[in-house]
């Protein structure tokens, strides 16, 4: 949990404010490394936002004396340390609740997933960009999320960063980038996005994939998650040559494309679910971030957190119980999104 403290009067807040409203000084960011349970209460009555019971409402205190509420499906005793496990395996999915600070949530997902980034790591950022619409529609990667991811990479000292995607319809990718506002975020970080369709592709079996896969150490797949869809897998399809993608989809279906994607071993997906679309395309508030090396596992877990019944065919065969989760459990963040307005 991140807290904000005034550098002069030392007052603290859980939410970021631009300056201290009491003495007008700048705020310092306080990050906790340790936390323990100081109070616990069992809840047995379900609600729309918390349908799974029983759960436990905990009060947590960090090493700085800051306290905050924490939901847990596990009965933790007073005095227990809140030590979160990590899992860097291929199928593992990290889940984290965003408390005002997206950058902190992304850092937490990276830590939980054992994602290692060095200064000389070559990173290709693959944002979701599918329509020339405004940010609030949540069709594309949000401006806040892309800004937080790029800030995270810069804090890690990563120098070689490339932002790229392509259009699979008649709408130019430049028009979508400008209308969505993503171009402005790239320019803010002094980066010029690259159109993958203008690059080179190489044949790997039946597929023709962008050479950027081999030119970069890691592909950061920024999936704008949407209920009832395999959003993470769909965004990775932008690595295919357009004509090859259309031909394989027509001849073999999207399941074939998903199997090819699984063979790519240098992908890490960051799934944004701050305001994901429901099946009726209505954006709702969830304030979640997901992370995994397996895009299909991430999509399956995300849909499970929304209690979605009609999921894509490529996710139907996935057994959720076999997917390890770290950070938060599915039950802790699960709700029926069809009942949320």
Protein backbone atom coordinates (compact mmCIF):
# COMPACT_ATOMS: atom_id res chain seq x y z
CA UNK A 1 0.00 0.00 0.00
CA UNK A 2 1.27 3.47 -0.91
CA UNK A 3 0.74 6.47 1.37
CA UNK A 4 1.45 10.15 0.73
CA UNK A 5 3.06 12.30 3.42
CA UNK A 6 3.57 16.03 3.55
CA UNK A 7 7.27 16.82 3.67
CA UNK A 8 6.66 19.66 6.16
CA UNK A 9 3.74 18.93 8.51
CA UNK A 10 3.96 15.12 8.08
CA UNK A 11 0.21 14.62 7.58
CA UNK A 12 -0.63 11.50 5.55
CA UNK A 13 -3.16 10.45 2.92
CA UNK A 14 -4.03 7.20 1.17
CA UNK A 15 -4.93 9.06 -2.02
CA UNK A 16 -2.59 11.32 -3.98
CA UNK A 17 -3.13 15.05 -3.68
CA UNK A 18 -1.07 17.55 -5.62
CA UNK A 19 0.06 19.55 -2.57
CA UNK A 20 -0.65 19.48 1.15
CA UNK A 21 -3.91 21.42 1.75
CA UNK A 22 -2.65 22.57 5.18
CA UNK A 23 0.82 23.96 4.47
CA UNK A 24 0.96 23.75 0.63
CA UNK A 25 4.11 21.65 0.62
CA UNK A 26 4.87 18.81 -1.76
CA UNK A 27 4.07 15.22 -0.79
CA UNK A 28 6.47 12.33 -0.39
CA UNK A 29 5.57 8.79 -1.48
CA UNK A 30 5.86 6.19 1.32
CA UNK A 31 6.00 2.56 0.24
CA UNK A 32 5.61 -0.27 2.71
CA UNK A 33 7.72 -3.44 2.63
CA UNK A 34 6.16 -5.18 5.62
CA UNK A 35 2.66 -5.35 7.08
CA UNK A 36 0.85 -7.26 9.78
CA UNK A 37 -2.75 -7.92 10.83
CA UNK A 38 -3.94 -5.89 13.83
CA UNK A 39 -7.68 -6.69 13.61
CA UNK A 40 -9.93 -9.21 11.87
CA UNK A 41 -13.68 -9.58 11.40
CA UNK A 42 -15.55 -12.45 9.73
CA UNK A 43 -18.27 -11.46 7.23
CA UNK A 44 -20.97 -14.03 6.50
CA UNK A 45 -23.59 -11.94 4.64
CA UNK A 46 -23.05 -11.66 0.85
CA UNK A 47 -23.56 -8.50 -1.18
CA UNK A 48 -23.34 -7.49 -4.84
CA UNK A 49 -19.74 -6.36 -4.44
CA UNK A 50 -18.78 -9.31 -2.24
CA UNK A 51 -20.83 -12.35 -3.34
CA UNK A 52 -18.48 -15.00 -1.92
CA UNK A 53 -18.76 -15.62 1.83
CA UNK A 54 -17.40 -16.05 4.34
CA UNK A 55 -14.57 -13.58 3.95
CA UNK A 56 -12.51 -11.62 6.44
CA UNK A 57 -12.23 -7.85 6.74
CA UNK A 58 -8.75 -7.15 8.08
CA UNK A 59 -7.06 -4.05 9.38
CA UNK A 60 -3.42 -3.99 8.27
CA UNK A 61 -0.59 -1.91 9.71
CA UNK A 62 2.72 -1.39 7.91
CA UNK A 63 6.15 -0.68 9.41
CA UNK A 64 5.46 3.09 9.21
CA UNK A 65 2.35 2.82 11.37
CA UNK A 66 -0.04 3.36 8.45
CA UNK A 67 -3.29 1.40 8.62
CA UNK A 68 -5.70 0.29 5.91
CA UNK A 69 -8.49 -2.21 5.24
CA UNK A 70 -7.80 -5.48 3.44
CA UNK A 71 -10.18 -8.21 2.26
CA UNK A 72 -9.03 -11.82 2.60
CA UNK A 73 -10.64 -15.18 1.98
CA UNK A 74 -8.14 -16.66 4.43
CA UNK A 75 -8.69 -16.36 8.15
CA UNK A 76 -5.58 -14.53 9.29
CA UNK A 77 -4.88 -14.05 12.97
CA UNK A 78 -3.92 -10.82 14.71
CA UNK A 79 -0.15 -10.52 14.56
CA UNK A 80 0.22 -12.49 11.33
CA UNK A 81 2.53 -10.99 8.72
CA UNK A 82 0.97 -10.22 5.35
CA UNK A 83 3.58 -11.93 3.22
CA UNK A 84 2.45 -12.44 -0.38
CA UNK A 85 3.81 -15.36 -2.38
CA UNK A 86 5.38 -14.90 -5.81
CA UNK A 87 5.15 -17.20 -8.82
CA UNK A 88 7.11 -16.75 -12.03
CA UNK A 89 5.80 -19.90 -13.74
CA UNK A 90 4.29 -19.73 -17.23
CA UNK A 91 0.64 -20.29 -16.25
CA UNK A 92 0.58 -18.20 -13.07
CA UNK A 93 -1.62 -15.09 -13.00
CA UNK A 94 -0.98 -12.13 -10.69
CA UNK A 95 -3.99 -10.08 -9.58
CA UNK A 96 -3.80 -6.74 -7.80
CA UNK A 97 -6.30 -4.11 -6.71
CA UNK A 98 -5.38 -0.56 -7.69
CA UNK A 99 -5.55 1.97 -4.86
CA UNK A 100 -5.28 5.29 -6.70
CA UNK A 101 -1.72 4.59 -7.93
CA UNK A 102 -1.42 2.64 -11.20
CA UNK A 103 2.37 2.75 -11.19
CA UNK A 104 2.47 1.07 -7.78
CA UNK A 105 0.06 -1.64 -8.99
CA UNK A 106 2.20 -2.36 -12.07
CA UNK A 107 5.30 -2.62 -9.88
CA UNK A 108 3.42 -5.03 -7.61
CA UNK A 109 2.35 -7.22 -10.54
CA UNK A 110 5.95 -7.36 -11.80
CA UNK A 111 7.23 -8.37 -8.35
CA UNK A 112 4.53 -11.03 -7.85
CA UNK A 113 5.31 -12.47 -11.31
CA UNK A 114 9.12 -12.37 -10.83
CA UNK A 115 9.48 -10.18 -13.94
CA UNK A 116 13.12 -9.22 -14.32
CA UNK A 117 14.01 -6.09 -16.28
CA UNK A 118 17.54 -4.73 -16.66
CA UNK A 119 18.91 -1.55 -18.14
CA UNK A 120 19.98 -3.34 -21.33
CA UNK A 121 16.68 -5.25 -21.73
CA UNK A 122 15.06 -4.59 -25.11
CA UNK A 123 11.32 -4.10 -24.61
CA UNK A 124 8.57 -3.95 -27.21
CA UNK A 125 5.37 -2.42 -25.81
CA UNK A 126 2.27 -3.67 -27.65
CA UNK A 127 -0.73 -1.50 -26.65
CA UNK A 128 -4.33 -2.32 -27.51
CA UNK A 129 -5.36 -0.01 -30.34
CA UNK A 130 -8.45 -1.14 -32.24
CA UNK A 131 -10.68 1.90 -32.80
CA UNK A 132 -10.45 5.69 -33.30
CA UNK A 133 -12.44 6.55 -30.15
CA UNK A 134 -11.94 8.62 -27.03
CA UNK A 135 -10.24 7.29 -23.91
CA UNK A 136 -13.43 6.89 -21.84
CA UNK A 137 -14.85 4.29 -24.26
CA UNK A 138 -12.22 1.76 -23.05
CA UNK A 139 -11.78 0.17 -26.46
CA UNK A 140 -8.05 0.87 -26.41
CA UNK A 141 -5.33 0.88 -23.78
CA UNK A 142 -6.09 3.83 -21.54
CA UNK A 143 -3.83 6.88 -21.49
CA UNK A 144 -3.22 6.43 -17.76
CA UNK A 145 -2.18 2.81 -18.13
CA UNK A 146 0.26 3.40 -21.00
CA UNK A 147 1.74 6.37 -19.13
CA UNK A 148 2.20 4.24 -15.97
CA UNK A 149 3.82 1.36 -17.90
CA UNK A 150 6.29 3.67 -19.65
CA UNK A 151 7.06 5.41 -16.34
CA UNK A 152 7.69 2.00 -14.76
CA UNK A 153 10.15 1.06 -17.51
CA UNK A 154 11.92 4.38 -17.16
CA UNK A 155 12.20 3.95 -13.38
CA UNK A 156 13.80 0.55 -14.02
CA UNK A 157 16.36 2.30 -16.20
CA UNK A 158 15.31 0.49 -19.39
CA UNK A 159 16.70 2.48 -22.31
CA UNK A 160 15.68 0.43 -25.34
CA UNK A 161 11.88 0.75 -25.52
CA UNK A 162 9.81 0.50 -28.66
CA UNK A 163 6.04 1.02 -28.90
CA UNK A 164 4.38 -0.74 -31.83
CA UNK A 165 1.15 -2.20 -33.16
CA UNK A 166 -0.76 -2.30 -36.44
CA UNK A 167 -4.24 -2.02 -37.89
CA UNK A 168 -6.12 -5.08 -39.20
CA UNK A 169 -8.87 -3.04 -40.90
CA UNK A 170 -9.03 -0.06 -43.25
CA UNK A 171 -8.55 2.54 -40.52
CA UNK A 172 -4.96 3.87 -40.52
CA UNK A 173 -3.12 3.15 -37.30
CA UNK A 174 -1.96 6.79 -37.18
CA UNK A 175 -5.57 8.02 -37.05
CA UNK A 176 -6.42 5.64 -34.21
CA UNK A 177 -3.33 6.62 -32.23
CA UNK A 178 -4.12 10.31 -32.54
CA UNK A 179 -7.86 10.08 -31.82
CA UNK A 180 -7.37 7.81 -28.81
CA UNK A 181 -4.73 10.09 -27.31
CA UNK A 182 -2.10 7.33 -27.14
CA UNK A 183 0.13 9.27 -29.53
CA UNK A 184 0.27 12.15 -27.04
CA UNK A 185 1.40 9.77 -24.28
CA UNK A 186 4.16 8.40 -26.53
CA UNK A 187 5.37 11.90 -27.36
CA UNK A 188 5.27 12.84 -23.67
CA UNK A 189 7.84 10.09 -23.09
CA UNK A 190 9.78 11.18 -26.21
CA UNK A 191 8.91 8.01 -28.14
CA UNK A 192 7.56 7.63 -31.65
CA UNK A 193 5.25 4.60 -32.14
CA UNK A 194 6.13 2.12 -34.87
CA UNK A 195 3.68 0.57 -37.35
CA UNK A 196 4.39 -3.18 -37.38
CA UNK A 197 2.95 -3.52 -40.87
CA UNK A 198 5.84 -1.41 -42.16
CA UNK A 199 8.38 -3.80 -40.63
CA UNK A 200 9.67 -7.21 -41.65
CA UNK A 201 8.03 -10.58 -41.04
CA UNK A 202 9.43 -14.10 -41.07
CA UNK A 203 7.76 -17.46 -41.60
CA UNK A 204 7.48 -19.78 -38.61
CA UNK A 205 5.56 -22.82 -39.79
CA UNK A 206 2.24 -21.62 -41.20
CA UNK A 207 2.56 -18.26 -39.51
CA UNK A 208 4.35 -15.09 -40.58
CA UNK A 209 5.31 -13.14 -37.46
CA UNK A 210 6.98 -9.80 -36.95
CA UNK A 211 10.76 -9.88 -36.65
CA UNK A 212 10.34 -7.60 -33.63
CA UNK A 213 9.77 -10.81 -31.67
CA UNK A 214 13.43 -11.74 -32.11
CA UNK A 215 14.71 -8.16 -32.02
CA UNK A 216 13.41 -7.64 -28.46
CA UNK A 217 14.02 -9.50 -25.21
CA UNK A 218 10.46 -9.13 -23.99
CA UNK A 219 7.10 -8.22 -25.48
CA UNK A 220 4.92 -6.30 -23.02
CA UNK A 221 1.39 -7.07 -24.17
CA UNK A 222 -0.88 -4.29 -22.84
CA UNK A 223 -4.30 -5.90 -23.06
CA UNK A 224 -7.39 -3.75 -22.53
CA UNK A 225 -9.49 -6.47 -20.92
CA UNK A 226 -13.15 -6.88 -21.90
CA UNK A 227 -15.61 -9.35 -20.43
CA UNK A 228 -16.68 -12.17 -22.72
CA UNK A 229 -13.52 -11.86 -24.83
CA UNK A 230 -10.00 -13.28 -24.97
CA UNK A 231 -8.58 -9.74 -25.05
CA UNK A 232 -4.96 -10.64 -24.23
CA UNK A 233 -4.74 -13.29 -26.97
CA UNK A 234 -6.48 -11.03 -29.49
CA UNK A 235 -3.98 -8.23 -28.96
CA UNK A 236 -1.02 -10.58 -29.50
CA UNK A 237 -2.42 -11.41 -32.93
CA UNK A 238 -1.16 -7.98 -34.02
CA UNK A 239 2.26 -9.65 -34.25
CA UNK A 240 1.05 -11.55 -37.34
CA UNK A 241 1.37 -10.22 -40.85
CA UNK A 242 -2.08 -8.90 -41.75
CA UNK A 243 -2.66 -11.08 -44.84
CA UNK A 244 -1.31 -14.16 -43.06
CA UNK A 245 -3.60 -13.49 -40.07
CA UNK A 246 -6.65 -13.18 -42.30
CA UNK A 247 -5.80 -16.36 -44.22
CA UNK A 248 -5.16 -18.48 -41.10
CA UNK A 249 -8.29 -17.19 -39.41
CA UNK A 250 -10.39 -18.03 -42.48
CA UNK A 251 -8.88 -21.51 -42.98
CA UNK A 252 -8.32 -22.68 -39.40
CA UNK A 253 -10.19 -20.31 -37.07
CA UNK A 254 -8.98 -18.26 -34.13
CA UNK A 255 -8.15 -21.38 -32.08
CA UNK A 256 -5.28 -22.11 -34.47
CA UNK A 257 -3.94 -18.58 -34.03
CA UNK A 258 -4.11 -18.93 -30.26
CA UNK A 259 -2.03 -22.12 -30.38
CA UNK A 260 0.66 -20.32 -32.39
CA UNK A 261 0.71 -17.49 -29.85
CA UNK A 262 1.39 -19.98 -27.03
CA UNK A 263 4.70 -20.90 -28.69
CA UNK A 264 6.04 -17.36 -28.24
CA UNK A 265 8.11 -17.53 -25.05
CA UNK A 266 9.15 -13.90 -24.49
CA UNK A 267 5.71 -12.35 -23.87
CA UNK A 268 4.45 -10.88 -20.62
CA UNK A 269 0.88 -9.64 -20.58
CA UNK A 270 -0.24 -6.73 -18.41
CA UNK A 271 -4.02 -6.80 -18.38
CA UNK A 272 -5.77 -3.52 -17.64
CA UNK A 273 -9.17 -3.79 -15.94
CA UNK A 274 -9.62 -0.36 -14.43
CA UNK A 275 -12.90 0.23 -16.28
CA UNK A 276 -13.42 -2.88 -18.44
CA UNK A 277 -16.32 -3.23 -20.84
CA UNK A 278 -19.09 -5.67 -20.07
CA UNK A 279 -20.48 -7.80 -22.89
CA UNK A 280 -22.91 -4.94 -23.69
CA UNK A 281 -19.81 -2.66 -24.06
CA UNK A 282 -20.74 -0.64 -20.98
CA UNK A 283 -17.54 0.25 -19.02
CA UNK A 284 -17.74 -0.52 -15.30
CA UNK A 285 -15.46 0.22 -12.36
CA UNK A 286 -13.21 -2.69 -11.32
CA UNK A 287 -9.82 -1.07 -10.59
CA UNK A 288 -7.84 -4.27 -11.22
CA UNK A 289 -4.57 -5.12 -12.95
CA UNK A 290 -3.54 -8.62 -14.06
CA UNK A 291 -0.21 -10.07 -15.16
CA UNK A 292 0.89 -13.38 -16.69
CA UNK A 293 3.23 -14.99 -19.18
CA UNK A 294 0.28 -17.02 -20.48
CA UNK A 295 -2.24 -14.73 -22.19
CA UNK A 296 -4.93 -17.44 -22.27
CA UNK A 297 -4.65 -18.07 -18.53
CA UNK A 298 -4.95 -14.35 -17.85
CA UNK A 299 -8.08 -14.06 -20.03
CA UNK A 300 -9.66 -17.07 -18.32
CA UNK A 301 -8.97 -15.73 -14.82
CA UNK A 302 -10.21 -12.26 -15.73
CA UNK A 303 -13.52 -13.60 -17.04
CA UNK A 304 -13.85 -15.74 -13.92
CA UNK A 305 -13.55 -12.62 -11.73
CA UNK A 306 -16.59 -11.24 -13.55
CA UNK A 307 -18.54 -14.52 -13.30
CA UNK A 308 -18.98 -14.44 -17.09
CA UNK A 309 -20.96 -17.37 -18.49
CA UNK A 310 -20.50 -16.93 -22.26
CA UNK A 311 -16.74 -17.04 -22.76
CA UNK A 312 -14.84 -17.51 -26.06
CA UNK A 313 -14.30 -21.04 -27.38
CA UNK A 314 -10.53 -20.88 -26.94
CA UNK A 315 -11.01 -20.34 -23.19
CA UNK A 316 -13.75 -22.93 -22.63
CA UNK A 317 -11.35 -25.84 -22.17
CA UNK A 318 -9.22 -24.07 -19.54
CA UNK A 319 -9.66 -25.35 -15.99
CA UNK A 320 -9.49 -22.31 -13.70
CA UNK A 321 -8.67 -24.45 -10.68
CA UNK A 322 -5.38 -25.46 -12.33
CA UNK A 323 -4.19 -21.87 -12.73
CA UNK A 324 -2.09 -20.59 -9.80
CA UNK A 325 -2.90 -17.02 -8.76
CA UNK A 326 -0.81 -14.67 -6.63
CA UNK A 327 -1.49 -11.30 -5.04
CA UNK A 328 -5.26 -11.57 -4.70
CA UNK A 329 -7.40 -14.65 -5.23
CA UNK A 330 -10.23 -14.86 -7.74
CA UNK A 331 -12.77 -15.09 -4.91
CA UNK A 332 -11.49 -11.90 -3.26
CA UNK A 333 -12.16 -9.75 -6.33
CA UNK A 334 -15.04 -11.73 -7.88
CA UNK A 335 -18.44 -10.20 -8.58
CA UNK A 336 -21.23 -10.68 -11.11
CA UNK A 337 -20.56 -7.80 -13.50
CA UNK A 338 -23.98 -8.15 -15.13
CA UNK A 339 -25.51 -6.86 -11.89
CA UNK A 340 -23.20 -3.84 -11.64
CA UNK A 341 -24.41 -0.53 -13.10
